[in-house]
Amino acid sequence: QKKENKCNISSKKTSTTSSSFIVLYLHLIHMSKVFTSQEEQCQAWLSSISSGYSVDYEEINLSNKNIQEIHPSIVTMKNLTTLYLGNNQIKYIAEELCLMTQLKSLYLAGNQIGCEGLPENISNLTQLTSLSLSNNKMTYIPECICDLISLSYISFNGNDFSNMEFTDSLQKLTNLKTLYLNSTKLDRAPH
């Protein structure tokens, strides 16, 4: 009995044709390589994008896939506005991700990202309105995050901010409406 290998990817296509998801599903089944992990499955899928299989999704959910790094070919997805990468094993944000200036929502909660794992050019994501870095290894709010002036929502829940000193940098986030700092061991709130 042949075991079916497929990557459980949740996505929304820009057009409303239901056949587009079926094409993606069949493409994933067609990849006959036996994968040893969900991460290999997802990385193979992302790699297939750069080798000629064209998809045009607005939203992709790659949460809970044990992914350790973001495949560079994701930048070819020019209409991608929402990316879920929560609950993986990501330690560093790839520089290529920062080229996706159309991104509006980026969910990175539940990874292993520390302050050094955020590239300075994350500030290139000028349309980003929602960012979740909850339950990571952050110890302070990096300056490059404060340069994301379109942010209206940001969550740092569950990070260890016990030694963090607040600066005036947060004041640059003039569109910020929601800032979550629950379970961060802060001794005072930002002003």
Protein backbone atom coordinates (compact mmCIF):
# COMPACT_ATOMS: atom_id res chain seq x y z
CA GLN A 1 0.00 0.00 0.00
CA LYS A 2 1.51 3.29 -1.13
CA LYS A 3 1.56 6.04 1.49
CA GLU A 4 0.41 9.42 0.24
CA ASN A 5 2.79 12.26 1.10
CA LYS A 6 1.47 15.77 1.01
CA CYS A 7 2.16 19.06 2.70
CA ASN A 8 -0.77 20.36 4.68
CA ILE A 9 -0.73 23.91 3.41
CA SER A 10 -3.63 26.25 4.00
CA SER A 11 -3.89 29.02 1.46
CA LYS A 12 -6.22 31.45 -0.27
CA LYS A 13 -5.81 32.12 -3.98
CA THR A 14 -6.29 35.61 -5.37
CA SER A 15 -8.91 34.41 -7.84
CA THR A 16 -11.98 32.60 -6.60
CA THR A 17 -11.54 29.50 -8.78
CA SER A 18 -11.79 26.38 -6.65
CA SER A 19 -9.74 24.42 -9.18
CA SER A 20 -6.59 26.33 -8.19
CA PHE A 21 -6.42 24.59 -4.82
CA ILE A 22 -7.01 21.22 -6.50
CA VAL A 23 -4.11 21.92 -8.87
CA LEU A 24 -1.87 22.71 -5.89
CA TYR A 25 -3.07 19.60 -4.06
CA LEU A 26 -2.39 17.39 -7.09
CA HIS A 27 1.02 18.98 -7.51
CA LEU A 28 1.90 18.13 -3.91
CA ILE A 29 0.78 14.53 -4.37
CA HIS A 30 2.73 14.37 -7.64
CA MET A 31 5.95 15.05 -5.77
CA SER A 32 6.79 11.38 -5.34
CA LYS A 33 9.80 11.83 -3.09
CA VAL A 34 9.31 10.26 0.33
CA PHE A 35 9.74 13.03 2.87
CA THR A 36 11.06 12.40 6.34
CA SER A 37 9.50 15.50 7.86
CA GLN A 38 6.83 18.12 7.31
CA GLU A 39 9.61 20.67 6.96
CA GLU A 40 11.01 18.78 3.94
CA GLN A 41 7.54 18.67 2.41
CA CYS A 42 7.02 22.41 2.77
CA GLN A 43 10.52 23.31 1.62
CA ALA A 44 10.02 21.09 -1.46
CA TRP A 45 6.75 22.86 -2.18
CA LEU A 46 8.37 26.28 -1.89
CA SER A 47 11.27 25.09 -4.02
CA SER A 48 8.84 23.91 -6.70
CA ILE A 49 7.60 27.49 -7.00
CA SER A 50 11.03 28.65 -8.16
CA SER A 51 11.31 25.80 -10.65
CA GLY A 52 8.40 26.85 -12.77
CA TYR A 53 5.25 25.93 -10.87
CA SER A 54 3.51 29.26 -10.61
CA VAL A 55 1.04 30.03 -7.86
CA ASP A 56 -0.37 33.39 -6.96
CA TYR A 57 -1.63 33.25 -3.40
CA GLU A 58 -2.54 36.12 -1.09
CA GLU A 59 -2.33 34.05 2.08
CA ILE A 60 -0.30 30.99 3.06
CA ASN A 61 -0.35 29.13 6.35
CA LEU A 62 2.81 27.14 7.05
CA SER A 63 2.29 26.98 10.81
CA ASN A 64 3.15 23.85 12.80
CA LYS A 65 5.38 22.37 10.06
CA ASN A 66 8.67 22.14 12.01
CA ILE A 67 10.24 24.59 9.52
CA GLN A 68 13.71 25.79 10.51
CA GLU A 69 14.27 28.35 7.77
CA ILE A 70 12.28 30.23 5.18
CA HIS A 71 12.98 29.10 1.63
CA PRO A 72 14.24 32.01 -0.54
CA SER A 73 11.82 31.21 -3.38
CA ILE A 74 8.94 32.57 -1.31
CA VAL A 75 9.82 36.02 -2.68
CA THR A 76 8.47 34.94 -6.07
CA MET A 77 4.95 35.09 -4.65
CA LYS A 78 4.23 38.68 -5.59
CA ASN A 79 0.62 38.76 -4.34
CA LEU A 80 1.32 37.22 -0.94
CA THR A 81 0.04 39.61 1.71
CA THR A 82 -0.42 37.28 4.70
CA LEU A 83 2.10 34.69 5.85
CA TYR A 84 1.63 32.39 8.82
CA LEU A 85 4.83 30.73 10.04
CA GLY A 86 3.85 30.20 13.65
CA ASN A 87 4.93 27.32 15.88
CA ASN A 88 7.95 26.23 13.87
CA GLN A 89 11.67 26.16 14.68
CA ILE A 90 12.71 29.37 12.87
CA LYS A 91 15.65 31.21 14.47
CA TYR A 92 16.41 33.80 11.78
CA ILE A 93 14.27 35.74 9.33
CA ALA A 94 15.71 35.37 5.84
CA GLU A 95 16.85 38.56 4.15
CA GLU A 96 14.73 37.53 1.15
CA LEU A 97 11.55 37.79 3.20
CA CYS A 98 12.32 41.48 3.68
CA LEU A 99 12.03 41.97 -0.09
CA MET A 100 8.33 41.12 0.07
CA THR A 101 7.20 44.70 0.42
CA GLN A 102 3.57 43.73 -0.31
CA LEU A 103 3.28 41.77 2.98
CA LYS A 104 0.62 43.16 5.31
CA SER A 105 0.50 40.46 8.00
CA LEU A 106 3.35 38.31 9.27
CA TYR A 107 2.78 35.76 12.01
CA LEU A 108 5.97 34.34 13.54
CA ALA A 109 4.69 33.39 17.02
CA GLY A 110 6.05 30.29 18.69
CA ASN A 111 9.46 30.13 17.02
CA GLN A 112 13.01 30.58 18.31
CA ILE A 113 13.60 34.10 16.97
CA GLY A 114 15.84 36.32 19.07
CA CYS A 115 16.62 39.98 18.49
CA GLU A 116 19.67 39.02 16.40
CA GLY A 117 17.36 36.92 14.20
CA LEU A 118 15.65 40.00 12.77
CA PRO A 119 17.49 41.60 9.85
CA GLU A 120 17.78 45.38 9.83
CA ASN A 121 16.06 45.52 6.44
CA ILE A 122 12.81 44.19 7.91
CA SER A 123 11.95 47.89 7.85
CA ASN A 124 11.53 47.44 4.06
CA LEU A 125 8.15 45.86 4.82
CA THR A 126 6.49 49.26 4.62
CA GLN A 127 2.95 47.87 4.17
CA LEU A 128 3.14 45.55 7.18
CA THR A 129 0.24 46.34 9.52
CA SER A 130 0.24 43.22 11.70
CA LEU A 131 3.23 41.43 13.25
CA SER A 132 3.24 38.65 15.81
CA LEU A 133 6.51 37.72 17.49
CA SER A 134 4.88 36.17 20.56
CA ASN A 135 6.61 33.30 22.37
CA ASN A 136 10.01 33.71 20.80
CA LYS A 137 13.45 34.53 22.27
CA MET A 138 13.15 38.32 22.10
CA THR A 139 14.74 40.24 25.00
CA TYR A 140 13.94 43.76 23.77
CA ILE A 141 12.09 45.51 20.94
CA PRO A 142 14.64 46.02 18.15
CA GLU A 143 14.90 49.45 16.55
CA CYS A 144 14.15 47.94 13.11
CA ILE A 145 10.66 46.98 14.37
CA CYS A 146 10.04 50.59 15.35
CA ASP A 147 10.76 51.58 11.75
CA LEU A 148 7.69 49.65 10.54
CA ILE A 149 5.54 52.76 10.64
CA SER A 150 2.43 51.12 9.13
CA LEU A 151 2.11 48.67 12.03
CA SER A 152 -1.23 48.87 13.78
CA TYR A 153 -0.92 45.54 15.65
CA ILE A 154 2.11 43.93 17.24
CA SER A 155 2.37 41.12 19.77
CA PHE A 156 5.39 40.27 21.89
CA ASN A 157 3.50 38.08 24.39
CA GLY A 158 5.62 35.46 26.12
CA ASN A 159 9.04 36.96 25.42
CA ASP A 160 11.45 37.71 28.28
CA PHE A 161 11.64 41.50 28.54
CA SER A 162 12.72 41.47 32.21
CA ASN A 163 15.91 43.49 31.48
CA MET A 164 14.49 45.71 28.74
CA GLU A 165 14.67 49.48 28.91
CA PHE A 166 12.05 51.35 26.91
CA THR A 167 13.22 54.03 24.52
CA ASP A 168 11.31 56.68 22.63
CA SER A 169 11.52 54.51 19.49
CA LEU A 170 8.01 53.12 19.99
CA GLN A 171 6.66 56.64 19.44
CA LYS A 172 7.58 56.29 15.75
CA LEU A 173 4.76 53.73 15.44
CA THR A 174 2.08 56.36 15.03
CA ASN A 175 -0.45 53.90 13.52
CA LEU A 176 -0.06 51.42 16.39
CA LYS A 177 -3.41 50.62 17.99
CA THR A 178 -2.62 47.31 19.71
CA LEU A 179 0.57 46.34 21.52
CA TYR A 180 0.53 43.03 23.40
CA LEU A 181 3.15 42.54 26.10
CA ASN A 182 1.49 39.84 28.25
CA SER A 183 3.77 37.42 30.11
CA THR A 184 6.92 39.36 29.21
CA LYS A 185 8.15 39.94 32.79
CA LEU A 186 8.05 43.70 32.33
CA ASP A 187 8.17 45.74 35.50
CA ARG A 188 6.53 48.78 33.86
CA ALA A 189 4.51 49.61 30.75
CA PRO A 190 5.83 51.75 27.91
CA HIS A 191 4.70 55.38 27.80
